[in-house]
Amino acid sequence: MKEPASAKTVERLFPFVIRSRILLVGRETLGRSKSKLHFVLITRDISEQSRAQVLSDFAHYPVVQLYTSAELEKFFGVKGAKVIGFQKSGLAQSVYAELKQHRLNKPAKPAVNAS
């Protein structure tokens, strides 16, 4: 029999995220690590301008909005971060699958050159 959804939250995976070192913190780090990036998580307390900039800069990646910067500090020990990313991995896929309902964008497909 299945467990109720409330007993199975995505936060249970966060200690493994820390241990596996797949967490990328800050927009500059994410910008340099696009080839390794699976998805981006932004906080609910990010400014509208920053939110729009992240959605623009990372249009080819899923962007999820959830939690506050205080909650990210509690979960991951990152102080004041409003933008974090997860490197490609099976664990990142599992985390994303549980956060998918909070996705803000539908990732744009990279342009394919028609010859």
N, C-alpha and C. Protein backbone atom coordinates (compact mmCIF):
# COMPACT_ATOMS: atom_id res chain seq x y z
N MET A 1 0.84 -1.19 0.00
CA MET A 1 0.00 0.00 0.00
C MET A 1 0.88 1.25 0.00
N LYS A 2 0.43 2.30 -0.70
CA LYS A 2 1.23 3.53 -0.81
C LYS A 2 1.12 4.38 0.44
N GLU A 3 2.23 5.09 0.73
CA GLU A 3 2.22 6.03 1.84
C GLU A 3 1.47 7.30 1.41
N PRO A 4 0.86 8.03 2.34
CA PRO A 4 0.24 9.30 1.96
C PRO A 4 1.31 10.28 1.50
N ALA A 5 0.97 11.15 0.57
CA ALA A 5 1.93 12.09 -0.01
C ALA A 5 2.55 13.00 1.05
N SER A 6 1.79 13.36 2.09
CA SER A 6 2.30 14.27 3.11
C SER A 6 3.46 13.65 3.90
N ALA A 7 3.52 12.34 4.00
CA ALA A 7 4.59 11.67 4.74
C ALA A 7 5.85 11.53 3.90
N LYS A 8 5.74 11.84 2.62
CA LYS A 8 6.86 11.63 1.70
C LYS A 8 7.21 12.97 1.03
N THR A 9 7.97 13.82 1.70
CA THR A 9 8.29 15.13 1.15
C THR A 9 9.67 15.12 0.51
N VAL A 10 9.87 16.06 -0.39
CA VAL A 10 11.14 16.16 -1.10
C VAL A 10 12.29 16.53 -0.16
N GLU A 11 11.99 17.18 0.95
CA GLU A 11 13.04 17.59 1.89
C GLU A 11 13.85 16.40 2.41
N ARG A 12 13.27 15.20 2.38
CA ARG A 12 14.00 14.02 2.86
C ARG A 12 15.23 13.75 1.99
N LEU A 13 15.24 14.25 0.75
CA LEU A 13 16.37 14.03 -0.16
C LEU A 13 17.49 15.06 0.01
N PHE A 14 17.20 16.19 0.68
CA PHE A 14 18.17 17.28 0.75
C PHE A 14 19.49 16.92 1.44
N PRO A 15 19.50 16.10 2.49
CA PRO A 15 20.80 15.71 3.06
C PRO A 15 21.68 14.97 2.04
N PHE A 16 21.05 14.21 1.15
CA PHE A 16 21.80 13.48 0.12
C PHE A 16 22.33 14.45 -0.94
N VAL A 17 21.58 15.51 -1.20
CA VAL A 17 22.02 16.55 -2.15
C VAL A 17 23.30 17.19 -1.63
N ILE A 18 23.31 17.49 -0.35
CA ILE A 18 24.50 18.11 0.27
C ILE A 18 25.69 17.15 0.19
N ARG A 19 25.46 15.91 0.57
CA ARG A 19 26.53 14.92 0.59
C ARG A 19 27.09 14.63 -0.80
N SER A 20 26.22 14.62 -1.81
CA SER A 20 26.67 14.28 -3.16
C SER A 20 27.25 15.48 -3.91
N ARG A 21 27.18 16.65 -3.30
CA ARG A 21 27.77 17.88 -3.87
C ARG A 21 27.23 18.22 -5.25
N ILE A 22 25.92 18.08 -5.44
CA ILE A 22 25.32 18.43 -6.73
C ILE A 22 24.65 19.81 -6.67
N LEU A 23 24.79 20.49 -5.53
CA LEU A 23 24.16 21.79 -5.36
C LEU A 23 25.05 22.90 -5.90
N LEU A 24 24.48 23.77 -6.73
CA LEU A 24 25.18 24.94 -7.27
C LEU A 24 24.49 26.17 -6.70
N VAL A 25 25.26 27.09 -6.11
CA VAL A 25 24.66 28.23 -5.43
C VAL A 25 25.03 29.53 -6.13
N GLY A 26 24.03 30.34 -6.43
CA GLY A 26 24.24 31.67 -6.99
C GLY A 26 24.17 31.71 -8.51
N ARG A 27 23.71 32.85 -9.02
CA ARG A 27 23.53 32.98 -10.47
C ARG A 27 24.83 32.90 -11.26
N GLU A 28 25.91 33.46 -10.71
CA GLU A 28 27.20 33.42 -11.43
C GLU A 28 27.69 31.98 -11.58
N THR A 29 27.59 31.22 -10.51
CA THR A 29 28.00 29.81 -10.55
C THR A 29 27.14 29.04 -11.55
N LEU A 30 25.85 29.28 -11.53
CA LEU A 30 24.95 28.60 -12.46
C LEU A 30 25.28 28.97 -13.90
N GLY A 31 25.58 30.24 -14.13
CA GLY A 31 25.93 30.69 -15.48
C GLY A 31 27.16 30.00 -16.02
N ARG A 32 28.14 29.73 -15.14
CA ARG A 32 29.38 29.06 -15.56
C ARG A 32 29.19 27.55 -15.68
N SER A 33 28.11 27.02 -15.12
CA SER A 33 27.94 25.57 -15.05
C SER A 33 26.74 25.08 -15.87
N LYS A 34 26.36 25.81 -16.89
CA LYS A 34 25.16 25.45 -17.65
C LYS A 34 25.23 24.05 -18.25
N SER A 35 26.40 23.60 -18.65
CA SER A 35 26.50 22.27 -19.25
C SER A 35 26.22 21.16 -18.24
N LYS A 36 26.36 21.45 -16.95
CA LYS A 36 26.15 20.46 -15.89
C LYS A 36 24.78 20.58 -15.24
N LEU A 37 24.03 21.62 -15.61
CA LEU A 37 22.81 21.99 -14.89
C LEU A 37 21.61 21.13 -15.26
N HIS A 38 20.88 20.66 -14.25
CA HIS A 38 19.64 19.90 -14.50
C HIS A 38 18.42 20.82 -14.36
N PHE A 39 18.33 21.54 -13.23
CA PHE A 39 17.25 22.51 -13.06
C PHE A 39 17.65 23.57 -12.05
N VAL A 40 16.88 24.67 -12.04
CA VAL A 40 17.14 25.83 -11.18
C VAL A 40 15.98 25.97 -10.20
N LEU A 41 16.30 26.29 -8.95
CA LEU A 41 15.28 26.55 -7.94
C LEU A 41 15.47 27.98 -7.46
N ILE A 42 14.40 28.78 -7.51
CA ILE A 42 14.46 30.14 -6.98
C ILE A 42 13.49 30.23 -5.81
N THR A 43 13.76 31.17 -4.91
CA THR A 43 12.94 31.30 -3.72
C THR A 43 11.71 32.16 -3.99
N ARG A 44 10.74 32.05 -3.11
CA ARG A 44 9.52 32.87 -3.22
C ARG A 44 9.80 34.32 -2.87
N ASP A 45 10.88 34.59 -2.11
CA ASP A 45 11.16 35.96 -1.70
C ASP A 45 12.16 36.68 -2.63
N ILE A 46 12.34 36.18 -3.84
CA ILE A 46 13.20 36.83 -4.83
C ILE A 46 12.43 38.00 -5.44
N SER A 47 13.13 39.05 -5.83
CA SER A 47 12.45 40.20 -6.42
C SER A 47 11.91 39.83 -7.80
N GLU A 48 10.88 40.56 -8.25
CA GLU A 48 10.28 40.30 -9.56
C GLU A 48 11.31 40.48 -10.68
N GLN A 49 12.16 41.50 -10.54
CA GLN A 49 13.18 41.76 -11.57
C GLN A 49 14.19 40.61 -11.64
N SER A 50 14.63 40.13 -10.51
CA SER A 50 15.57 39.00 -10.47
C SER A 50 14.91 37.74 -11.00
N ARG A 51 13.65 37.55 -10.65
CA ARG A 51 12.91 36.38 -11.14
C ARG A 51 12.84 36.39 -12.67
N ALA A 52 12.52 37.54 -13.23
CA ALA A 52 12.43 37.66 -14.68
C ALA A 52 13.80 37.42 -15.33
N GLN A 53 14.86 37.92 -14.69
CA GLN A 53 16.22 37.73 -15.22
C GLN A 53 16.61 36.26 -15.21
N VAL A 54 16.30 35.55 -14.13
CA VAL A 54 16.62 34.12 -14.04
C VAL A 54 15.84 33.35 -15.10
N LEU A 55 14.56 33.67 -15.26
CA LEU A 55 13.75 32.99 -16.27
C LEU A 55 14.30 33.23 -17.67
N SER A 56 14.83 34.42 -17.90
CA SER A 56 15.43 34.75 -19.20
C SER A 56 16.78 34.03 -19.38
N ASP A 57 17.64 34.12 -18.37
CA ASP A 57 18.99 33.54 -18.46
C ASP A 57 18.97 32.01 -18.55
N PHE A 58 17.98 31.40 -17.92
CA PHE A 58 17.93 29.93 -17.87
C PHE A 58 16.67 29.40 -18.56
N ALA A 59 16.34 29.98 -19.71
CA ALA A 59 15.13 29.60 -20.45
C ALA A 59 15.18 28.15 -20.93
N HIS A 60 16.39 27.58 -21.09
CA HIS A 60 16.52 26.21 -21.59
C HIS A 60 16.48 25.17 -20.47
N TYR A 61 16.27 25.63 -19.24
CA TYR A 61 16.26 24.74 -18.08
C TYR A 61 14.96 24.93 -17.32
N PRO A 62 14.47 23.89 -16.68
CA PRO A 62 13.28 24.08 -15.83
C PRO A 62 13.62 24.99 -14.65
N VAL A 63 12.75 25.95 -14.37
CA VAL A 63 12.92 26.83 -13.21
C VAL A 63 11.75 26.58 -12.28
N VAL A 64 12.06 26.24 -11.04
CA VAL A 64 11.07 25.92 -10.02
C VAL A 64 11.12 27.02 -8.97
N GLN A 65 9.95 27.47 -8.51
CA GLN A 65 9.93 28.49 -7.45
C GLN A 65 9.25 27.91 -6.23
N LEU A 66 10.00 27.83 -5.14
CA LEU A 66 9.50 27.26 -3.90
C LEU A 66 10.45 27.66 -2.78
N TYR A 67 9.98 27.62 -1.57
CA TYR A 67 10.77 27.91 -0.36
C TYR A 67 11.14 29.39 -0.27
N THR A 68 11.74 29.75 0.86
CA THR A 68 12.27 31.09 1.08
C THR A 68 13.78 30.94 1.26
N SER A 69 14.49 32.06 1.23
CA SER A 69 15.94 31.97 1.42
C SER A 69 16.27 31.44 2.82
N ALA A 70 15.43 31.73 3.82
CA ALA A 70 15.64 31.20 5.17
C ALA A 70 15.50 29.67 5.18
N GLU A 71 14.53 29.16 4.41
CA GLU A 71 14.36 27.71 4.35
C GLU A 71 15.55 27.05 3.64
N LEU A 72 16.07 27.70 2.58
CA LEU A 72 17.25 27.15 1.91
C LEU A 72 18.44 27.11 2.86
N GLU A 73 18.56 28.14 3.70
CA GLU A 73 19.65 28.15 4.68
C GLU A 73 19.48 26.98 5.65
N LYS A 74 18.26 26.73 6.07
CA LYS A 74 17.98 25.62 6.99
C LYS A 74 18.28 24.27 6.33
N PHE A 75 17.85 24.09 5.08
CA PHE A 75 18.01 22.82 4.39
C PHE A 75 19.44 22.56 3.94
N PHE A 76 20.09 23.59 3.38
CA PHE A 76 21.39 23.39 2.72
C PHE A 76 22.55 24.13 3.37
N GLY A 77 22.27 25.01 4.34
CA GLY A 77 23.34 25.77 4.98
C GLY A 77 23.89 26.88 4.11
N VAL A 78 23.12 27.35 3.13
CA VAL A 78 23.57 28.44 2.26
C VAL A 78 22.89 29.73 2.71
N LYS A 79 23.69 30.68 3.13
CA LYS A 79 23.16 31.91 3.72
C LYS A 79 22.78 32.92 2.64
N GLY A 80 21.53 33.37 2.66
CA GLY A 80 21.08 34.43 1.78
C GLY A 80 20.90 34.05 0.31
N ALA A 81 20.99 32.79 -0.03
CA ALA A 81 20.86 32.38 -1.44
C ALA A 81 19.39 32.41 -1.85
N LYS A 82 19.16 32.97 -3.02
CA LYS A 82 17.80 33.00 -3.58
C LYS A 82 17.72 32.21 -4.87
N VAL A 83 18.86 31.81 -5.41
CA VAL A 83 18.92 31.03 -6.65
C VAL A 83 19.91 29.89 -6.44
N ILE A 84 19.43 28.65 -6.59
CA ILE A 84 20.32 27.49 -6.53
C ILE A 84 20.02 26.59 -7.71
N GLY A 85 20.97 25.76 -8.05
CA GLY A 85 20.78 24.82 -9.13
C GLY A 85 21.21 23.44 -8.70
N PHE A 86 20.80 22.46 -9.47
CA PHE A 86 21.14 21.08 -9.19
C PHE A 86 21.85 20.50 -10.41
N GLN A 87 23.03 19.93 -10.20
CA GLN A 87 23.78 19.31 -11.29
C GLN A 87 23.06 18.06 -11.76
N LYS A 88 23.27 17.74 -13.05
CA LYS A 88 22.67 16.55 -13.64
C LYS A 88 23.08 15.31 -12.84
N SER A 89 22.09 14.55 -12.41
CA SER A 89 22.33 13.30 -11.69
C SER A 89 20.99 12.62 -11.47
N GLY A 90 21.04 11.39 -11.10
CA GLY A 90 19.82 10.67 -10.76
C GLY A 90 19.11 11.31 -9.59
N LEU A 91 19.88 11.79 -8.62
CA LEU A 91 19.30 12.44 -7.45
C LEU A 91 18.60 13.74 -7.85
N ALA A 92 19.22 14.52 -8.73
CA ALA A 92 18.59 15.76 -9.20
C ALA A 92 17.28 15.45 -9.94
N GLN A 93 17.27 14.37 -10.70
CA GLN A 93 16.04 13.97 -11.40
C GLN A 93 14.94 13.64 -10.39
N SER A 94 15.29 12.96 -9.31
CA SER A 94 14.32 12.61 -8.28
C SER A 94 13.77 13.85 -7.58
N VAL A 95 14.67 14.78 -7.25
CA VAL A 95 14.25 16.02 -6.59
C VAL A 95 13.34 16.80 -7.53
N TYR A 96 13.75 16.94 -8.79
CA TYR A 96 12.95 17.69 -9.76
C TYR A 96 11.57 17.06 -9.96
N ALA A 97 11.52 15.75 -10.02
CA ALA A 97 10.24 15.06 -10.22
C ALA A 97 9.24 15.43 -9.12
N GLU A 98 9.73 15.61 -7.90
CA GLU A 98 8.84 15.95 -6.79
C GLU A 98 8.53 17.44 -6.72
N LEU A 99 9.34 18.27 -7.39
CA LEU A 99 9.11 19.72 -7.38
C LEU A 99 8.47 20.22 -8.67
N LYS A 100 8.25 19.32 -9.61
CA LYS A 100 7.80 19.70 -10.96
C LYS A 100 6.51 20.52 -10.96
N GLN A 101 5.62 20.27 -10.01
CA GLN A 101 4.36 21.01 -10.00
C GLN A 101 4.56 22.49 -9.67
N HIS A 102 5.76 22.88 -9.21
CA HIS A 102 6.06 24.28 -8.89
C HIS A 102 6.87 24.95 -10.01
N ARG A 103 6.98 24.29 -11.15
CA ARG A 103 7.76 24.82 -12.28
C ARG A 103 7.09 26.08 -12.82
N LEU A 104 7.92 27.09 -13.15
CA LEU A 104 7.43 28.36 -13.68
C LEU A 104 7.42 28.39 -15.20
N ASN A 105 8.33 27.65 -15.82
CA ASN A 105 8.48 27.74 -17.27
C ASN A 105 8.47 26.36 -17.90
N LYS A 106 8.28 26.36 -19.19
CA LYS A 106 8.47 25.14 -19.96
C LYS A 106 9.78 25.36 -20.70
N PRO A 107 10.81 24.57 -20.41
CA PRO A 107 12.14 24.85 -21.00
C PRO A 107 12.07 24.95 -22.54
N ALA A 108 12.71 25.99 -23.04
CA ALA A 108 12.77 26.19 -24.48
C ALA A 108 13.72 25.16 -25.08
N LYS A 109 13.36 24.66 -26.22
CA LYS A 109 14.25 23.72 -26.92
C LYS A 109 15.36 24.53 -27.58
N PRO A 110 16.61 24.06 -27.49
CA PRO A 110 17.70 24.76 -28.19
C PRO A 110 17.43 24.78 -29.69
N ALA A 111 17.80 25.87 -30.32
CA ALA A 111 17.58 26.02 -31.76
C ALA A 111 18.39 24.97 -32.52
N VAL A 112 17.75 24.32 -33.47
CA VAL A 112 18.41 23.32 -34.30
C VAL A 112 18.65 23.94 -35.67
N ASN A 113 19.88 23.87 -36.13
CA ASN A 113 20.21 24.45 -37.43
C ASN A 113 19.64 23.60 -38.55
N ALA A 114 18.80 24.19 -39.35
CA ALA A 114 18.25 23.49 -40.51
C ALA A 114 19.20 23.66 -41.69
N SER A 115 19.70 22.59 -42.21
CA SER A 115 20.67 22.68 -43.31
C SER A 115 19.98 22.52 -44.63
